[in-house]
Protein backbone atom coordinates (compact mmCIF):
# COMPACT_ATOMS: atom_id res chain seq x y z
CA MET A 1 -21.70 65.33 -14.32
CA HIS A 2 -19.28 62.66 -13.10
CA GLU A 3 -17.23 62.95 -16.30
CA GLU A 4 -17.04 66.73 -15.92
CA LEU A 5 -15.76 66.35 -12.36
CA ALA A 6 -13.23 63.74 -13.42
CA ALA A 7 -12.02 66.03 -16.21
CA TRP A 8 -11.71 68.97 -13.79
CA HIS A 9 -9.70 66.86 -11.35
CA GLU A 10 -7.40 65.64 -14.15
CA GLU A 11 -6.76 69.21 -15.31
CA PHE A 12 -6.20 70.40 -11.71
CA ASP A 13 -3.78 67.54 -11.09
CA ARG A 14 -1.88 68.34 -14.28
CA ARG A 15 -1.54 72.02 -13.32
CA GLU A 16 -0.60 71.40 -9.70
CA ARG A 17 1.61 68.31 -9.98
CA LEU A 18 4.95 70.09 -10.46
CA GLY A 19 4.26 72.34 -7.42
CA ARG A 20 3.43 69.28 -5.31
CA VAL A 21 6.61 67.53 -6.42
CA GLN A 22 8.70 70.63 -5.60
CA ARG A 23 7.05 71.08 -2.22
CA THR A 24 7.51 67.36 -1.42
CA ALA A 25 11.21 67.64 -2.28
CA ALA A 26 11.50 70.70 -0.01
CA VAL A 27 9.83 68.86 2.89
CA LEU A 28 12.17 65.89 2.44
CA ARG A 29 15.17 68.26 2.51
CA TRP A 30 13.90 69.92 5.69
CA LEU A 31 13.42 66.52 7.37
CA GLU A 32 16.71 65.02 6.14
CA PRO A 33 18.83 65.99 9.18
CA TYR A 34 16.45 64.34 11.63
CA ASP A 35 16.12 60.64 12.41
CA GLU A 36 13.17 60.74 14.79
CA GLY A 37 10.97 63.09 16.75
CA LEU A 38 9.29 63.42 20.04
CA SER A 39 5.94 64.90 20.86
CA ALA A 40 4.92 66.13 24.25
CA GLY A 41 1.64 67.37 22.85
CA GLY A 42 -0.19 64.08 22.50
CA GLU A 43 -1.79 62.62 19.43
CA GLU A 44 -3.27 65.99 18.47
CA ALA A 45 0.21 67.48 18.09
CA ARG A 46 1.35 64.57 15.89
CA LEU A 47 -1.75 64.80 13.74
CA ALA A 48 -1.52 68.59 13.41
CA LEU A 49 2.14 68.32 12.31
CA SER A 50 1.31 65.58 9.81
CA GLU A 51 -1.57 67.66 8.42
CA ALA A 52 0.61 70.79 8.26
CA LYS A 53 3.07 68.83 6.10
CA ASP A 54 0.38 67.39 3.86
CA ALA A 55 -1.42 70.73 3.47
CA TYR A 56 1.88 72.40 2.48
CA ILE A 57 2.62 69.69 -0.08
CA TYR A 58 -0.86 69.97 -1.57
CA GLY A 59 -0.66 73.74 -1.84
CA LEU A 60 -2.99 74.70 1.03
CA PRO A 61 -0.83 77.30 2.78
CA LEU A 62 -3.37 78.62 5.26
CA ALA A 63 -4.26 75.08 6.42
CA SER A 64 -0.54 74.33 6.73
CA LEU A 65 0.13 77.55 8.65
CA PHE A 66 -2.75 76.98 11.09
CA SER A 67 -1.83 73.28 11.61
CA SER A 68 1.84 74.16 12.22
CA HIS A 69 0.68 76.67 14.84
CA VAL A 70 -1.55 74.10 16.53
CA ALA A 71 1.21 71.48 16.54
CA CYS A 72 3.71 73.90 18.13
CA GLU A 73 1.23 75.11 20.69
CA ARG A 74 0.34 71.53 21.66
CA MET A 75 3.96 70.45 21.82
CA LEU A 76 4.99 73.34 24.12
CA ALA A 77 1.90 73.01 26.27
CA GLY A 78 2.76 69.29 26.54
CA LEU A 79 6.12 70.22 28.05
CA PHE A 80 4.44 72.32 30.69
CA GLY A 81 1.98 69.46 31.26
CA LEU A 82 4.87 67.21 32.27
CA LEU A 83 5.76 69.50 35.17
CA PRO A 84 4.38 68.93 38.66
CA ASP A 85 1.51 71.28 39.41
CA ASP A 86 3.54 73.41 41.75
CA ALA A 87 6.33 73.90 39.16
CA ALA A 88 4.07 74.89 36.25
CA PRO A 89 3.17 78.51 35.69
CA LYS A 90 -0.30 79.51 36.88
CA GLY A 91 -2.86 79.33 34.07
CA TRP A 92 -0.49 77.79 31.47
CA GLU A 93 -3.30 75.50 30.22
CA LYS A 94 -5.09 78.55 28.80
CA TRP A 95 -2.00 80.06 27.12
CA GLY A 96 -1.58 80.25 23.41
CA LEU A 97 1.65 79.95 21.47
CA GLY A 98 2.47 83.62 22.05
CA ARG A 99 2.75 83.07 25.82
CA LEU A 100 4.11 79.52 25.75
CA VAL A 101 7.14 80.37 23.64
CA PRO A 102 8.66 83.03 25.95
CA ALA A 103 7.88 80.91 29.02
CA ALA A 104 9.61 77.92 27.41
CA ARG A 105 12.60 80.13 26.49
CA GLU A 106 12.84 81.39 30.09
CA ARG A 107 13.13 77.77 31.24
CA GLY A 108 15.91 77.12 28.75
CA TRP A 109 13.82 74.76 26.63
CA LEU A 110 14.23 76.82 23.44
CA GLY A 111 17.17 78.48 21.82
CA THR A 112 17.11 82.05 20.54
CA GLU A 113 16.68 81.22 16.87
CA LEU A 114 13.84 78.75 17.33
CA THR A 115 12.14 81.13 19.79
CA SER A 116 12.27 83.82 17.17
CA ASP A 117 10.90 81.58 14.44
CA LEU A 118 8.08 80.33 16.67
CA LEU A 119 7.08 83.93 17.46
CA VAL A 120 7.08 84.72 13.72
CA LEU A 121 4.76 81.75 13.20
CA CYS A 122 2.54 83.02 16.00
CA ASP A 123 2.37 86.56 14.62
CA THR A 124 1.79 85.39 11.03
CA ARG A 125 -1.07 83.14 12.13
CA LYS A 126 -2.46 85.92 14.29
CA VAL A 127 -2.76 88.49 11.46
CA THR A 128 -4.11 85.81 9.17
CA GLY A 129 -6.57 84.25 11.59
CA HIS A 130 -7.82 87.38 13.41
CA PHE A 131 -9.46 90.23 11.58
CA ARG A 132 -7.36 93.31 10.99
CA ARG A 133 -8.11 96.22 8.72
CA PRO A 134 -6.77 95.27 5.27
CA THR A 135 -4.12 98.00 5.42
CA ALA A 136 -2.95 97.17 8.96
CA ARG A 137 0.72 96.36 9.37
CA GLY A 138 1.46 92.68 8.84
CA THR A 139 -1.70 91.78 6.96
CA LEU A 140 -1.51 90.14 3.53
CA ASN A 141 -2.63 93.32 1.78
CA TRP A 142 0.00 95.36 3.61
CA ARG A 143 2.74 92.86 2.84
CA ILE A 144 1.74 92.60 -0.84
CA ALA A 145 1.72 96.41 -1.13
CA GLU A 146 5.30 96.37 0.15
CA MET A 147 6.23 94.09 -2.78
CA LEU A 148 5.04 96.59 -5.42
CA PRO A 149 5.49 96.73 -8.34
CA PHE A 150 4.63 93.20 -9.38
CA GLU A 151 2.88 91.63 -12.33
CA ASP A 152 0.45 89.03 -10.97
CA ASP A 153 -1.48 89.71 -7.75
CA ALA A 154 -2.75 86.10 -7.38
CA GLU A 155 0.67 84.60 -8.00
CA ASN A 156 2.31 86.92 -5.47
CA LEU A 157 -0.41 86.18 -2.87
CA VAL A 158 0.00 82.42 -3.26
CA GLY A 159 3.78 82.73 -3.15
CA LEU A 160 3.64 84.86 -0.01
CA LEU A 161 1.27 82.42 1.72
CA LEU A 162 3.41 79.44 0.75
CA LYS A 163 6.47 81.21 2.11
CA ASP A 164 4.64 81.83 5.40
CA ALA A 165 3.50 78.18 5.51
CA ALA A 166 7.06 76.95 4.78
CA GLN A 167 8.48 79.10 7.60
CA GLY A 168 5.90 77.78 10.04
CA LEU A 169 6.33 74.17 8.98
CA ARG A 170 10.12 74.34 9.28
CA ALA A 171 9.82 75.82 12.78
CA ALA A 172 7.38 73.02 13.75
CA PHE A 173 9.72 70.37 12.35
CA ARG A 174 12.63 71.85 14.32
CA LEU A 175 10.56 71.90 17.49
CA ALA A 176 9.48 68.30 16.99
CA TYR A 177 12.67 66.75 15.62
CA SER A 178 15.82 68.81 16.23
CA PRO A 179 18.09 67.33 18.93
CA GLU A 180 19.88 70.69 19.23
CA GLU A 181 16.91 73.03 19.62
CA GLY A 182 13.64 71.07 19.84
CA LEU A 183 11.83 68.82 22.21
CA ARG A 184 14.54 66.18 22.13
CA ARG A 185 16.89 68.63 23.81
CA VAL A 186 14.47 68.77 26.76
CA LEU A 187 13.00 65.23 26.80
CA ASP A 188 16.05 63.07 25.97
């Protein structure tokens, strides 16, 4: 049994290694412009961002997408948590990313492009994490149907999920690390 598992893992590693190398190179390119980051979301935000990166590299796009969402939500909520009670919006502690992003934009904490990318992350996670009829607009089935004709359903699904995860991870990196549009613009 142990030998069979070891053989399976060796085969899996052989098949997946090139993808991991390519995704690692992409992550390093995305992080290249940044020298450091700030996190207003506590240890949970830092861990979620680290796990989003690792999940993307290891080809786990849903885990990456969800972790990117958590990291961004925690970071933005952390900014509101730094405000005095009388300056923070009522009920902000119960808000999700979909409400935090526009409120942060209204305060001038986010630029237009990052705001848009964070809302895309929010919507992508929403249709992936909450049940919708398979043919509802924005679902994976709907988006794959838009790509017709194609040759390999599984390959297109994985590619689509990895694209979603990459978009979410890049938005999270920008929020955490970009001095022009992220937390550093507010906290420095």
